[in-house]
């Protein structure tokens, strides 16, 4: 993980602490959706 990625994650972690629970759930769902779509678009050469 790069230094920039670590800084981003630390910043997001601090921001999430300040969010109400329903906003945290929304953000988690969004992140999971982005991750799922990114995996879906990966080439199938690895199989």
C-alpha atoms as a PDB file:
ATOM      1  CA  UNK A   1       0.000   0.000   0.000  1.00  0.00           C
ATOM      2  CA  UNK A   2       1.391   3.372  -0.979  1.00  0.00           C
ATOM      3  CA  UNK A   3       1.859   6.307   1.363  1.00  0.00           C
ATOM      4  CA  UNK A   4      -0.926   8.171  -0.455  1.00  0.00           C
ATOM      5  CA  UNK A   5      -3.323   5.256   0.001  1.00  0.00           C
ATOM      6  CA  UNK A   6      -2.513   5.086   3.705  1.00  0.00           C
ATOM      7  CA  UNK A   7      -3.147   8.818   4.096  1.00  0.00           C
ATOM      8  CA  UNK A   8      -6.462   8.471   2.262  1.00  0.00           C
ATOM      9  CA  UNK A   9      -7.581   5.613   4.495  1.00  0.00           C
ATOM     10  CA  UNK A  10      -6.609   7.501   7.649  1.00  0.00           C
ATOM     11  CA  UNK A  11      -8.548  10.542   6.473  1.00  0.00           C
ATOM     12  CA  UNK A  12     -11.604   8.447   5.631  1.00  0.00           C
ATOM     13  CA  UNK A  13     -11.432   6.668   8.989  1.00  0.00           C
ATOM     14  CA  UNK A  14     -11.527  10.016  10.804  1.00  0.00           C
ATOM     15  CA  UNK A  15     -14.425  11.243   8.670  1.00  0.00           C
ATOM     16  CA  UNK A  16     -16.429   8.054   9.219  1.00  0.00           C
ATOM     17  CA  UNK A  17     -16.133   8.438  12.986  1.00  0.00           C
ATOM     18  CA  UNK A  18     -18.074  11.688  12.709  1.00  0.00           C
ATOM     19  CA  UNK A  19     -20.913  10.298  10.566  1.00  0.00           C
ATOM     20  CA  UNK A  20     -24.257   9.126  11.942  1.00  0.00           C
ATOM     21  CA  UNK A  21     -24.865   5.368  11.724  1.00  0.00           C
ATOM     22  CA  UNK A  22     -27.178   5.564   8.698  1.00  0.00           C
ATOM     23  CA  UNK A  23     -24.568   7.504   6.709  1.00  0.00           C
ATOM     24  CA  UNK A  24     -21.913   4.940   7.645  1.00  0.00           C
ATOM     25  CA  UNK A  25     -24.172   2.180   6.327  1.00  0.00           C
ATOM     26  CA  UNK A  26     -24.694   4.094   3.092  1.00  0.00           C
ATOM     27  CA  UNK A  27     -20.957   4.646   2.656  1.00  0.00           C
ATOM     28  CA  UNK A  28     -20.217   0.972   3.348  1.00  0.00           C
ATOM     29  CA  UNK A  29     -22.807  -0.114   0.792  1.00  0.00           C
ATOM     30  CA  UNK A  30     -21.378   2.263  -1.784  1.00  0.00           C
ATOM     31  CA  UNK A  31     -17.828   1.012  -1.203  1.00  0.00           C
ATOM     32  CA  UNK A  32     -18.939  -2.617  -1.454  1.00  0.00           C
ATOM     33  CA  UNK A  33     -20.761  -1.865  -4.704  1.00  0.00           C
ATOM     34  CA  UNK A  34     -17.741  -0.153  -6.236  1.00  0.00           C
ATOM     35  CA  UNK A  35     -15.556  -3.081  -5.210  1.00  0.00           C
ATOM     36  CA  UNK A  36     -17.974  -5.608  -6.693  1.00  0.00           C
ATOM     37  CA  UNK A  37     -18.141  -3.725  -9.997  1.00  0.00           C
ATOM     38  CA  UNK A  38     -14.359  -3.416 -10.164  1.00  0.00           C
ATOM     39  CA  UNK A  39     -13.985  -7.160  -9.677  1.00  0.00           C
ATOM     40  CA  UNK A  40     -16.652  -7.870 -12.278  1.00  0.00           C
ATOM     41  CA  UNK A  41     -14.769  -5.826 -14.881  1.00  0.00           C
ATOM     42  CA  UNK A  42     -11.425  -7.597 -14.358  1.00  0.00           C
ATOM     43  CA  UNK A  43     -10.296  -9.651 -17.330  1.00  0.00           C
ATOM     44  CA  UNK A  44     -10.930 -13.372 -17.048  1.00  0.00           C
ATOM     45  CA  UNK A  45      -7.346 -14.249 -18.064  1.00  0.00           C
ATOM     46  CA  UNK A  46      -6.606 -15.410 -14.528  1.00  0.00           C
ATOM     47  CA  UNK A  47      -8.983 -18.413 -14.802  1.00  0.00           C
END
